[in-house]
């Protein structure tokens, strides 16, 4: 009975782990996956798990390193997401163009739209952003609105309202200044 209440070795006893413990677990997993990958360099599933772990922890250069020579659709999807997050748009667009048909992955679609927008390919970006669903749908809709405003050369309604309010404020300020002078 006494053994049931003891905390696991290396655990702080809290249900929420601390940052240092999380870093330690991350490093343990990376070390374990890397060791296994040395023994089984052709194990695609293991390579994808390691790349996903790196991606989830925002270590995009390591994702690139692990997947650079892998010719697999799933690997390319993870790689291209990491490339966009690392702002390597030129290499990313090459991979996006290779992945046809477009995967039904909302993050992928949002990031693809982002790269197209960054490269000023607005009509293509709009088409891609239209395909984006939750949880990236709201962000995609904002980008669509921004592109349309820019492409049509229009000033957004918010900017017009602020501008009109500023003009009205300045007019009142001038009137008040004139009254002080009199």
N, C-alpha and C. Protein backbone atom coordinates (compact mmCIF):
# COMPACT_ATOMS: atom_id res chain seq x y z
N UNK A 1 0.81 -1.19 0.00
CA UNK A 1 0.00 0.00 0.00
C UNK A 1 0.85 1.26 0.00
N UNK A 2 1.91 1.24 0.75
CA UNK A 2 2.77 2.40 0.84
C UNK A 2 3.37 2.74 -0.52
N UNK A 3 3.69 1.73 -1.33
CA UNK A 3 4.29 1.94 -2.65
C UNK A 3 3.34 2.65 -3.60
N UNK A 4 2.03 2.53 -3.40
CA UNK A 4 1.06 3.15 -4.30
C UNK A 4 1.06 4.66 -4.20
N UNK A 5 1.47 5.20 -3.07
CA UNK A 5 1.42 6.65 -2.90
C UNK A 5 2.72 7.33 -3.27
N UNK A 6 3.74 6.56 -3.62
CA UNK A 6 5.02 7.17 -3.98
C UNK A 6 4.95 7.75 -5.38
N UNK A 7 5.69 8.85 -5.56
CA UNK A 7 5.73 9.47 -6.89
C UNK A 7 6.75 8.74 -7.74
N UNK A 8 6.53 8.71 -9.05
CA UNK A 8 7.48 8.06 -9.94
C UNK A 8 8.84 8.74 -9.88
N UNK A 9 9.89 7.94 -10.12
CA UNK A 9 11.25 8.45 -10.10
C UNK A 9 11.40 9.57 -11.13
N UNK A 10 12.00 10.68 -10.73
CA UNK A 10 12.22 11.80 -11.64
C UNK A 10 11.02 12.71 -11.78
N UNK A 11 9.93 12.42 -11.06
CA UNK A 11 8.74 13.25 -11.17
C UNK A 11 8.64 14.12 -9.93
N UNK A 12 8.12 15.30 -10.10
CA UNK A 12 8.01 16.23 -8.99
C UNK A 12 6.80 15.94 -8.12
N UNK A 13 5.93 15.04 -8.57
CA UNK A 13 4.74 14.73 -7.79
C UNK A 13 3.54 15.56 -8.19
N UNK A 14 3.74 16.64 -8.92
CA UNK A 14 2.64 17.47 -9.39
C UNK A 14 2.04 16.86 -10.64
N UNK A 15 0.74 17.07 -10.85
CA UNK A 15 0.11 16.56 -12.06
C UNK A 15 0.50 17.39 -13.28
N UNK A 16 0.89 18.64 -13.06
CA UNK A 16 1.37 19.49 -14.14
C UNK A 16 2.89 19.53 -14.03
N UNK A 17 3.55 19.13 -15.13
CA UNK A 17 5.01 19.07 -15.06
C UNK A 17 5.60 20.45 -15.32
N UNK A 18 6.76 20.68 -14.76
CA UNK A 18 7.44 21.95 -14.92
C UNK A 18 8.19 22.00 -16.23
N UNK A 19 8.64 23.18 -16.57
CA UNK A 19 9.35 23.39 -17.82
C UNK A 19 10.63 22.56 -17.89
N UNK A 20 11.38 22.54 -16.82
CA UNK A 20 12.64 21.78 -16.81
C UNK A 20 12.37 20.29 -17.00
N UNK A 21 11.32 19.78 -16.36
CA UNK A 21 10.98 18.37 -16.51
C UNK A 21 10.53 18.08 -17.94
N UNK A 22 9.78 19.00 -18.53
CA UNK A 22 9.33 18.85 -19.91
C UNK A 22 10.53 18.82 -20.86
N UNK A 23 11.48 19.74 -20.65
CA UNK A 23 12.70 19.75 -21.47
C UNK A 23 13.45 18.43 -21.35
N UNK A 24 13.52 17.93 -20.13
CA UNK A 24 14.21 16.66 -19.90
C UNK A 24 13.53 15.51 -20.63
N UNK A 25 12.22 15.46 -20.57
CA UNK A 25 11.48 14.40 -21.27
C UNK A 25 11.63 14.52 -22.77
N UNK A 26 11.61 15.75 -23.25
CA UNK A 26 11.81 16.00 -24.68
C UNK A 26 13.17 15.46 -25.11
N UNK A 27 14.22 15.81 -24.37
CA UNK A 27 15.56 15.34 -24.71
C UNK A 27 15.67 13.82 -24.64
N UNK A 28 15.00 13.22 -23.66
CA UNK A 28 15.00 11.76 -23.57
C UNK A 28 14.38 11.13 -24.81
N UNK A 29 13.24 11.67 -25.22
CA UNK A 29 12.57 11.15 -26.42
C UNK A 29 13.42 11.34 -27.66
N UNK A 30 14.01 12.51 -27.81
CA UNK A 30 14.86 12.78 -28.97
C UNK A 30 16.02 11.80 -29.00
N UNK A 31 16.66 11.62 -27.85
CA UNK A 31 17.80 10.69 -27.76
C UNK A 31 17.36 9.28 -28.11
N UNK A 32 16.23 8.85 -27.58
CA UNK A 32 15.71 7.50 -27.86
C UNK A 32 15.40 7.32 -29.35
N UNK A 33 14.69 8.30 -29.93
CA UNK A 33 14.36 8.21 -31.36
C UNK A 33 15.62 8.22 -32.23
N UNK A 34 16.56 9.08 -31.90
CA UNK A 34 17.80 9.17 -32.68
C UNK A 34 18.58 7.85 -32.62
N UNK A 35 18.63 7.24 -31.43
CA UNK A 35 19.33 5.97 -31.26
C UNK A 35 18.66 4.88 -32.11
N UNK A 36 17.33 4.84 -32.05
CA UNK A 36 16.59 3.86 -32.83
C UNK A 36 16.75 4.11 -34.33
N UNK A 37 16.80 5.37 -34.71
CA UNK A 37 16.95 5.72 -36.13
C UNK A 37 18.33 5.32 -36.66
N UNK A 38 19.36 5.39 -35.80
CA UNK A 38 20.68 4.93 -36.22
C UNK A 38 20.67 3.43 -36.50
N UNK A 39 19.90 2.69 -35.69
CA UNK A 39 19.79 1.24 -35.89
C UNK A 39 18.91 0.89 -37.09
N UNK A 40 17.91 1.74 -37.36
CA UNK A 40 16.94 1.49 -38.44
C UNK A 40 16.78 2.74 -39.29
N UNK A 41 17.78 3.11 -40.07
CA UNK A 41 17.72 4.37 -40.82
C UNK A 41 16.60 4.42 -41.87
N UNK A 42 16.09 3.28 -42.29
CA UNK A 42 15.03 3.26 -43.30
C UNK A 42 13.64 3.16 -42.69
N UNK A 43 13.53 3.25 -41.37
CA UNK A 43 12.23 3.15 -40.71
C UNK A 43 11.48 4.49 -40.85
N UNK A 44 10.60 4.56 -41.83
CA UNK A 44 9.87 5.79 -42.14
C UNK A 44 8.99 6.23 -40.98
N UNK A 45 8.30 5.30 -40.36
CA UNK A 45 7.40 5.65 -39.26
C UNK A 45 8.18 6.29 -38.11
N UNK A 46 9.31 5.75 -37.79
CA UNK A 46 10.16 6.30 -36.72
C UNK A 46 10.66 7.69 -37.10
N UNK A 47 11.07 7.85 -38.35
CA UNK A 47 11.56 9.14 -38.85
C UNK A 47 10.45 10.20 -38.77
N UNK A 48 9.23 9.81 -39.13
CA UNK A 48 8.10 10.73 -39.07
C UNK A 48 7.76 11.11 -37.63
N UNK A 49 7.85 10.15 -36.72
CA UNK A 49 7.58 10.44 -35.31
C UNK A 49 8.59 11.44 -34.76
N UNK A 50 9.85 11.25 -35.10
CA UNK A 50 10.89 12.17 -34.64
C UNK A 50 10.66 13.56 -35.24
N UNK A 51 10.35 13.61 -36.53
CA UNK A 51 10.10 14.90 -37.18
C UNK A 51 8.90 15.60 -36.55
N UNK A 52 7.85 14.86 -36.25
CA UNK A 52 6.65 15.44 -35.63
C UNK A 52 6.98 15.96 -34.23
N UNK A 53 7.79 15.22 -33.50
CA UNK A 53 8.21 15.67 -32.18
C UNK A 53 8.97 17.00 -32.30
N UNK A 54 9.91 17.07 -33.21
CA UNK A 54 10.65 18.32 -33.43
C UNK A 54 9.69 19.44 -33.84
N UNK A 55 8.74 19.13 -34.72
CA UNK A 55 7.80 20.16 -35.18
C UNK A 55 6.96 20.68 -34.01
N UNK A 56 6.45 19.77 -33.20
CA UNK A 56 5.62 20.16 -32.07
C UNK A 56 6.37 21.04 -31.07
N UNK A 57 7.69 20.85 -31.00
CA UNK A 57 8.51 21.66 -30.11
C UNK A 57 9.21 22.81 -30.85
N UNK A 58 8.72 23.09 -32.07
CA UNK A 58 9.17 24.24 -32.86
C UNK A 58 10.66 24.22 -33.20
N UNK A 59 11.22 23.03 -33.34
CA UNK A 59 12.62 22.88 -33.72
C UNK A 59 12.66 22.57 -35.22
N UNK A 60 12.35 23.60 -36.02
CA UNK A 60 12.13 23.41 -37.45
C UNK A 60 13.38 23.02 -38.22
N UNK A 61 14.54 23.47 -37.78
CA UNK A 61 15.77 23.07 -38.48
C UNK A 61 16.02 21.57 -38.34
N UNK A 62 15.64 21.01 -37.19
CA UNK A 62 15.80 19.57 -37.00
C UNK A 62 14.79 18.78 -37.84
N UNK A 63 13.60 19.34 -38.02
CA UNK A 63 12.61 18.69 -38.89
C UNK A 63 13.22 18.57 -40.29
N UNK A 64 13.79 19.66 -40.75
CA UNK A 64 14.41 19.67 -42.08
C UNK A 64 15.52 18.64 -42.17
N UNK A 65 16.35 18.58 -41.14
CA UNK A 65 17.47 17.63 -41.12
C UNK A 65 16.97 16.18 -41.19
N UNK A 66 15.94 15.86 -40.42
CA UNK A 66 15.43 14.49 -40.36
C UNK A 66 14.73 14.07 -41.65
N UNK A 67 14.08 15.04 -42.33
CA UNK A 67 13.26 14.69 -43.49
C UNK A 67 13.85 15.10 -44.84
N UNK A 68 15.05 15.68 -44.85
CA UNK A 68 15.59 16.25 -46.08
C UNK A 68 15.69 15.27 -47.24
N UNK A 69 15.95 14.03 -46.99
CA UNK A 69 16.13 13.07 -48.08
C UNK A 69 14.98 12.07 -48.19
N UNK A 70 13.87 12.34 -47.52
CA UNK A 70 12.74 11.40 -47.51
C UNK A 70 11.76 11.77 -48.62
N UNK A 71 11.49 10.79 -49.48
CA UNK A 71 10.54 11.00 -50.57
C UNK A 71 9.23 10.30 -50.23
N UNK A 72 8.44 10.97 -49.40
CA UNK A 72 7.17 10.42 -48.93
C UNK A 72 6.22 11.58 -48.72
N UNK A 73 4.97 11.41 -49.11
CA UNK A 73 3.98 12.48 -49.03
C UNK A 73 3.81 12.99 -47.59
N UNK A 74 3.65 12.11 -46.63
CA UNK A 74 3.49 12.52 -45.23
C UNK A 74 4.70 13.28 -44.72
N UNK A 75 5.88 12.84 -45.12
CA UNK A 75 7.11 13.51 -44.70
C UNK A 75 7.19 14.90 -45.31
N UNK A 76 6.79 15.02 -46.58
CA UNK A 76 6.84 16.32 -47.24
C UNK A 76 5.84 17.30 -46.62
N UNK A 77 4.72 16.79 -46.16
CA UNK A 77 3.73 17.67 -45.51
C UNK A 77 4.31 18.25 -44.23
N UNK A 78 4.91 17.40 -43.41
CA UNK A 78 5.53 17.89 -42.17
C UNK A 78 6.68 18.84 -42.49
N UNK A 79 7.50 18.47 -43.47
CA UNK A 79 8.65 19.30 -43.85
C UNK A 79 8.21 20.68 -44.33
N UNK A 80 7.21 20.73 -45.20
CA UNK A 80 6.80 22.02 -45.75
C UNK A 80 6.21 22.92 -44.66
N UNK A 81 5.50 22.34 -43.71
CA UNK A 81 4.99 23.14 -42.60
C UNK A 81 6.14 23.75 -41.80
N UNK A 82 7.17 22.94 -41.56
CA UNK A 82 8.33 23.43 -40.81
C UNK A 82 9.06 24.52 -41.60
N UNK A 83 9.16 24.35 -42.91
CA UNK A 83 9.83 25.35 -43.73
C UNK A 83 9.11 26.69 -43.68
N UNK A 84 7.78 26.66 -43.73
CA UNK A 84 7.01 27.90 -43.66
C UNK A 84 7.20 28.55 -42.30
N UNK A 85 7.11 27.76 -41.24
CA UNK A 85 7.28 28.31 -39.89
C UNK A 85 8.67 28.92 -39.72
N UNK A 86 9.66 28.36 -40.43
CA UNK A 86 11.03 28.89 -40.38
C UNK A 86 11.24 30.00 -41.42
N UNK A 87 10.18 30.34 -42.14
CA UNK A 87 10.18 31.41 -43.15
C UNK A 87 11.11 31.12 -44.33
N UNK A 88 11.27 29.84 -44.67
CA UNK A 88 12.03 29.45 -45.86
C UNK A 88 11.02 29.25 -46.99
N UNK A 89 10.49 30.37 -47.49
CA UNK A 89 9.38 30.34 -48.44
C UNK A 89 9.75 29.78 -49.80
N UNK A 90 10.97 30.03 -50.25
CA UNK A 90 11.36 29.55 -51.57
C UNK A 90 11.36 28.02 -51.63
N UNK A 91 11.99 27.39 -50.66
CA UNK A 91 12.02 25.93 -50.62
C UNK A 91 10.61 25.39 -50.36
N UNK A 92 9.86 26.08 -49.52
CA UNK A 92 8.50 25.63 -49.18
C UNK A 92 7.61 25.61 -50.42
N UNK A 93 7.69 26.65 -51.23
CA UNK A 93 6.81 26.71 -52.40
C UNK A 93 7.12 25.59 -53.39
N UNK A 94 8.38 25.21 -53.48
CA UNK A 94 8.75 24.07 -54.33
C UNK A 94 8.03 22.80 -53.88
N UNK A 95 8.02 22.59 -52.58
CA UNK A 95 7.39 21.38 -52.04
C UNK A 95 5.87 21.47 -52.16
N UNK A 96 5.30 22.64 -51.88
CA UNK A 96 3.86 22.81 -52.04
C UNK A 96 3.43 22.43 -53.46
N UNK A 97 4.21 22.85 -54.44
CA UNK A 97 3.86 22.57 -55.83
C UNK A 97 3.97 21.08 -56.16
N UNK A 98 4.79 20.34 -55.42
CA UNK A 98 4.92 18.90 -55.63
C UNK A 98 3.74 18.12 -55.03
N UNK A 99 3.12 18.67 -54.03
CA UNK A 99 2.07 17.96 -53.29
C UNK A 99 0.69 18.23 -53.89
N UNK A 100 0.40 17.55 -54.95
CA UNK A 100 -0.92 17.65 -55.59
C UNK A 100 -1.54 16.26 -55.57
N UNK A 101 -2.80 16.12 -55.28
CA UNK A 101 -3.74 17.15 -54.88
C UNK A 101 -3.40 17.68 -53.48
N UNK A 102 -3.96 18.84 -53.20
CA UNK A 102 -3.71 19.49 -51.92
C UNK A 102 -4.31 18.66 -50.79
N UNK A 103 -3.52 18.35 -49.76
CA UNK A 103 -4.04 17.57 -48.63
C UNK A 103 -5.18 18.29 -47.92
N UNK A 104 -6.08 17.52 -47.35
CA UNK A 104 -7.18 18.11 -46.57
C UNK A 104 -6.69 18.31 -45.14
N UNK A 105 -5.79 19.24 -44.99
CA UNK A 105 -5.15 19.57 -43.72
C UNK A 105 -5.23 21.09 -43.58
N UNK A 106 -6.00 21.56 -42.63
CA UNK A 106 -6.25 23.00 -42.51
C UNK A 106 -5.00 23.82 -42.22
N UNK A 107 -4.12 23.29 -41.40
CA UNK A 107 -2.87 24.01 -41.14
C UNK A 107 -2.04 24.10 -42.42
N UNK A 108 -1.95 23.00 -43.14
CA UNK A 108 -1.22 22.96 -44.41
C UNK A 108 -1.78 24.01 -45.37
N UNK A 109 -3.09 24.02 -45.53
CA UNK A 109 -3.72 24.97 -46.46
C UNK A 109 -3.47 26.41 -46.03
N UNK A 110 -3.60 26.69 -44.75
CA UNK A 110 -3.36 28.05 -44.26
C UNK A 110 -1.92 28.47 -44.55
N UNK A 111 -0.98 27.59 -44.26
CA UNK A 111 0.43 27.91 -44.49
C UNK A 111 0.74 28.06 -45.98
N UNK A 112 0.10 27.24 -46.81
CA UNK A 112 0.28 27.36 -48.25
C UNK A 112 -0.22 28.73 -48.72
N UNK A 113 -1.39 29.13 -48.25
CA UNK A 113 -1.91 30.45 -48.57
C UNK A 113 -0.97 31.55 -48.13
N UNK A 114 -0.40 31.38 -46.96
CA UNK A 114 0.54 32.37 -46.42
C UNK A 114 1.76 32.52 -47.33
N UNK A 115 2.29 31.39 -47.82
CA UNK A 115 3.46 31.45 -48.70
C UNK A 115 3.09 32.11 -50.03
N UNK A 116 1.94 31.74 -50.57
CA UNK A 116 1.50 32.35 -51.83
C UNK A 116 1.32 33.86 -51.67
N UNK A 117 0.75 34.25 -50.55
CA UNK A 117 0.58 35.67 -50.27
C UNK A 117 1.94 36.37 -50.15
N UNK A 118 2.86 35.73 -49.45
CA UNK A 118 4.20 36.29 -49.28
C UNK A 118 4.89 36.48 -50.63
N UNK A 119 4.61 35.61 -51.57
CA UNK A 119 5.20 35.68 -52.91
C UNK A 119 4.35 36.52 -53.88
N UNK A 120 3.35 37.24 -53.32
CA UNK A 120 2.47 38.12 -54.10
C UNK A 120 1.65 37.38 -55.15
N UNK A 121 1.35 36.13 -54.90
CA UNK A 121 0.50 35.33 -55.78
C UNK A 121 -0.92 35.35 -55.20
N UNK A 122 -1.52 36.54 -55.20
CA UNK A 122 -2.76 36.77 -54.49
C UNK A 122 -3.95 35.95 -54.99
N UNK A 123 -4.17 35.81 -56.30
CA UNK A 123 -5.32 35.01 -56.74
C UNK A 123 -5.23 33.55 -56.26
N UNK A 124 -4.03 32.97 -56.34
CA UNK A 124 -3.85 31.59 -55.85
C UNK A 124 -4.02 31.53 -54.33
N UNK A 125 -3.50 32.53 -53.63
CA UNK A 125 -3.62 32.56 -52.17
C UNK A 125 -5.09 32.60 -51.76
N UNK A 126 -5.89 33.41 -52.46
CA UNK A 126 -7.33 33.50 -52.14
C UNK A 126 -8.00 32.14 -52.30
N UNK A 127 -7.68 31.44 -53.38
CA UNK A 127 -8.28 30.11 -53.62
C UNK A 127 -7.92 29.13 -52.51
N UNK A 128 -6.69 29.18 -52.08
CA UNK A 128 -6.23 28.26 -51.01
C UNK A 128 -6.86 28.64 -49.68
N UNK A 129 -6.86 29.93 -49.35
CA UNK A 129 -7.45 30.37 -48.08
C UNK A 129 -8.93 29.99 -47.99
N UNK A 130 -9.62 29.95 -49.12
CA UNK A 130 -11.04 29.57 -49.13
C UNK A 130 -11.25 28.13 -48.65
N UNK A 131 -10.24 27.30 -48.79
CA UNK A 131 -10.33 25.88 -48.42
C UNK A 131 -10.04 25.63 -46.95
N UNK A 132 -9.57 26.63 -46.25
CA UNK A 132 -9.12 26.46 -44.86
C UNK A 132 -10.30 26.36 -43.92
N UNK A 133 -10.23 25.37 -43.03
CA UNK A 133 -11.25 25.19 -42.00
C UNK A 133 -10.66 25.42 -40.62
N UNK A 134 -11.46 25.11 -39.60
CA UNK A 134 -11.04 25.31 -38.21
C UNK A 134 -9.81 24.46 -37.92
N UNK A 135 -8.94 24.92 -37.09
CA UNK A 135 -8.95 26.13 -36.27
C UNK A 135 -8.29 27.34 -36.96
N UNK A 136 -8.00 27.23 -38.25
CA UNK A 136 -7.31 28.30 -38.97
C UNK A 136 -8.26 29.14 -39.82
N UNK A 137 -9.54 28.82 -39.80
CA UNK A 137 -10.51 29.49 -40.66
C UNK A 137 -10.59 30.99 -40.41
N UNK A 138 -10.63 31.38 -39.15
CA UNK A 138 -10.74 32.80 -38.82
C UNK A 138 -9.53 33.59 -39.33
N UNK A 139 -8.34 33.04 -39.12
CA UNK A 139 -7.13 33.69 -39.62
C UNK A 139 -7.15 33.78 -41.15
N UNK A 140 -7.60 32.71 -41.79
CA UNK A 140 -7.67 32.69 -43.25
C UNK A 140 -8.65 33.75 -43.76
N UNK A 141 -9.78 33.89 -43.08
CA UNK A 141 -10.76 34.91 -43.47
C UNK A 141 -10.18 36.32 -43.34
N UNK A 142 -9.40 36.55 -42.31
CA UNK A 142 -8.73 37.85 -42.14
C UNK A 142 -7.77 38.12 -43.29
N UNK A 143 -7.04 37.08 -43.69
CA UNK A 143 -6.09 37.23 -44.80
C UNK A 143 -6.82 37.49 -46.11
N UNK A 144 -7.95 36.81 -46.31
CA UNK A 144 -8.75 37.02 -47.52
C UNK A 144 -9.20 38.49 -47.60
N UNK A 145 -9.69 38.98 -46.48
CA UNK A 145 -10.15 40.37 -46.42
C UNK A 145 -9.01 41.34 -46.73
N UNK A 146 -7.85 41.08 -46.14
CA UNK A 146 -6.69 41.96 -46.35
C UNK A 146 -6.23 41.93 -47.81
N UNK A 147 -6.21 40.74 -48.41
CA UNK A 147 -5.79 40.63 -49.81
C UNK A 147 -6.77 41.35 -50.72
N UNK A 148 -8.05 41.14 -50.48
CA UNK A 148 -9.06 41.79 -51.33
C UNK A 148 -8.98 43.30 -51.21
N UNK A 149 -8.77 43.79 -50.02
CA UNK A 149 -8.64 45.23 -49.81
C UNK A 149 -7.43 45.77 -50.57
N UNK A 150 -6.32 45.08 -50.46
CA UNK A 150 -5.09 45.49 -51.13
C UNK A 150 -5.23 45.38 -52.66
N UNK A 151 -5.80 44.26 -53.12
CA UNK A 151 -5.92 44.01 -54.56
C UNK A 151 -6.87 45.00 -55.23
N UNK A 152 -7.93 45.37 -54.53
CA UNK A 152 -8.91 46.27 -55.10
C UNK A 152 -8.51 47.73 -54.92
N UNK A 153 -7.42 47.96 -54.19
CA UNK A 153 -6.95 49.31 -53.97
C UNK A 153 -7.88 50.12 -53.10
N UNK A 154 -8.73 49.42 -52.36
CA UNK A 154 -9.68 50.10 -51.49
C UNK A 154 -9.08 50.31 -50.11
N UNK A 155 -9.60 51.30 -49.47
CA UNK A 155 -9.25 51.54 -48.08
C UNK A 155 -10.31 50.83 -47.26
N UNK A 156 -9.90 50.06 -46.27
CA UNK A 156 -10.87 49.31 -45.48
C UNK A 156 -11.83 50.23 -44.73
N UNK A 157 -13.00 49.71 -44.41
CA UNK A 157 -14.04 50.49 -43.73
C UNK A 157 -13.55 51.03 -42.40
N UNK A 158 -12.73 50.23 -41.71
CA UNK A 158 -12.21 50.66 -40.41
C UNK A 158 -11.32 51.88 -40.56
N UNK A 159 -10.47 51.87 -41.60
CA UNK A 159 -9.55 52.98 -41.83
C UNK A 159 -10.35 54.23 -42.21
N UNK A 160 -11.38 54.06 -43.03
CA UNK A 160 -12.22 55.20 -43.42
C UNK A 160 -12.89 55.80 -42.20
N UNK A 161 -13.44 54.96 -41.32
CA UNK A 161 -14.11 55.44 -40.11
C UNK A 161 -13.14 56.19 -39.21
N UNK A 162 -11.95 55.65 -39.03
CA UNK A 162 -10.95 56.31 -38.18
C UNK A 162 -10.53 57.64 -38.81
N UNK A 163 -10.35 57.64 -40.10
CA UNK A 163 -9.95 58.86 -40.80
C UNK A 163 -11.01 59.95 -40.67
N UNK A 164 -12.28 59.57 -40.83
CA UNK A 164 -13.37 60.55 -40.69
C UNK A 164 -13.44 61.09 -39.27
N UNK A 165 -13.27 60.20 -38.29
CA UNK A 165 -13.30 60.63 -36.90
C UNK A 165 -12.14 61.59 -36.60
N UNK A 166 -10.98 61.31 -37.17
CA UNK A 166 -9.81 62.17 -36.97
C UNK A 166 -10.04 63.55 -37.60
N UNK A 167 -10.61 63.56 -38.80
CA UNK A 167 -10.90 64.83 -39.46
C UNK A 167 -11.89 65.66 -38.64
N UNK A 168 -12.91 65.01 -38.11
CA UNK A 168 -13.92 65.70 -37.29
C UNK A 168 -13.26 66.26 -36.02
N UNK A 169 -12.41 65.46 -35.41
CA UNK A 169 -11.70 65.89 -34.21
C UNK A 169 -10.83 67.12 -34.50
N UNK A 170 -10.09 67.06 -35.60
CA UNK A 170 -9.23 68.19 -35.96
C UNK A 170 -10.04 69.44 -36.25
N UNK A 171 -11.18 69.29 -36.89
CA UNK A 171 -12.06 70.42 -37.19
C UNK A 171 -12.53 71.07 -35.89
N UNK A 172 -12.97 70.23 -34.92
CA UNK A 172 -13.40 70.77 -33.62
C UNK A 172 -12.24 71.46 -32.92
N UNK A 173 -11.05 70.88 -33.03
CA UNK A 173 -9.87 71.45 -32.41
C UNK A 173 -9.57 72.84 -33.00
N UNK A 174 -9.70 72.96 -34.31
CA UNK A 174 -9.49 74.25 -34.97
C UNK A 174 -10.52 75.27 -34.51
N UNK A 175 -11.78 74.84 -34.42
CA UNK A 175 -12.85 75.74 -33.97
C UNK A 175 -12.57 76.22 -32.55
N UNK A 176 -12.14 75.29 -31.66
CA UNK A 176 -11.85 75.66 -30.29
C UNK A 176 -10.65 76.61 -30.23
N UNK A 177 -9.66 76.37 -31.05
CA UNK A 177 -8.47 77.24 -31.09
C UNK A 177 -8.87 78.64 -31.55
N UNK A 178 -9.76 78.72 -32.51
CA UNK A 178 -10.22 80.01 -33.01
C UNK A 178 -10.96 80.76 -31.91
N UNK A 179 -11.75 80.05 -31.10
CA UNK A 179 -12.49 80.69 -30.01
C UNK A 179 -11.54 81.24 -28.97
N UNK A 180 -10.44 80.55 -28.69
CA UNK A 180 -9.48 81.05 -27.73
C UNK A 180 -8.79 82.32 -28.22
N UNK A 181 -8.57 82.36 -29.51
CA UNK A 181 -7.90 83.54 -30.07
C UNK A 181 -8.79 84.78 -30.03
N UNK A 182 -10.09 84.58 -30.10
CA UNK A 182 -11.00 85.73 -30.08
C UNK A 182 -11.10 86.22 -28.68
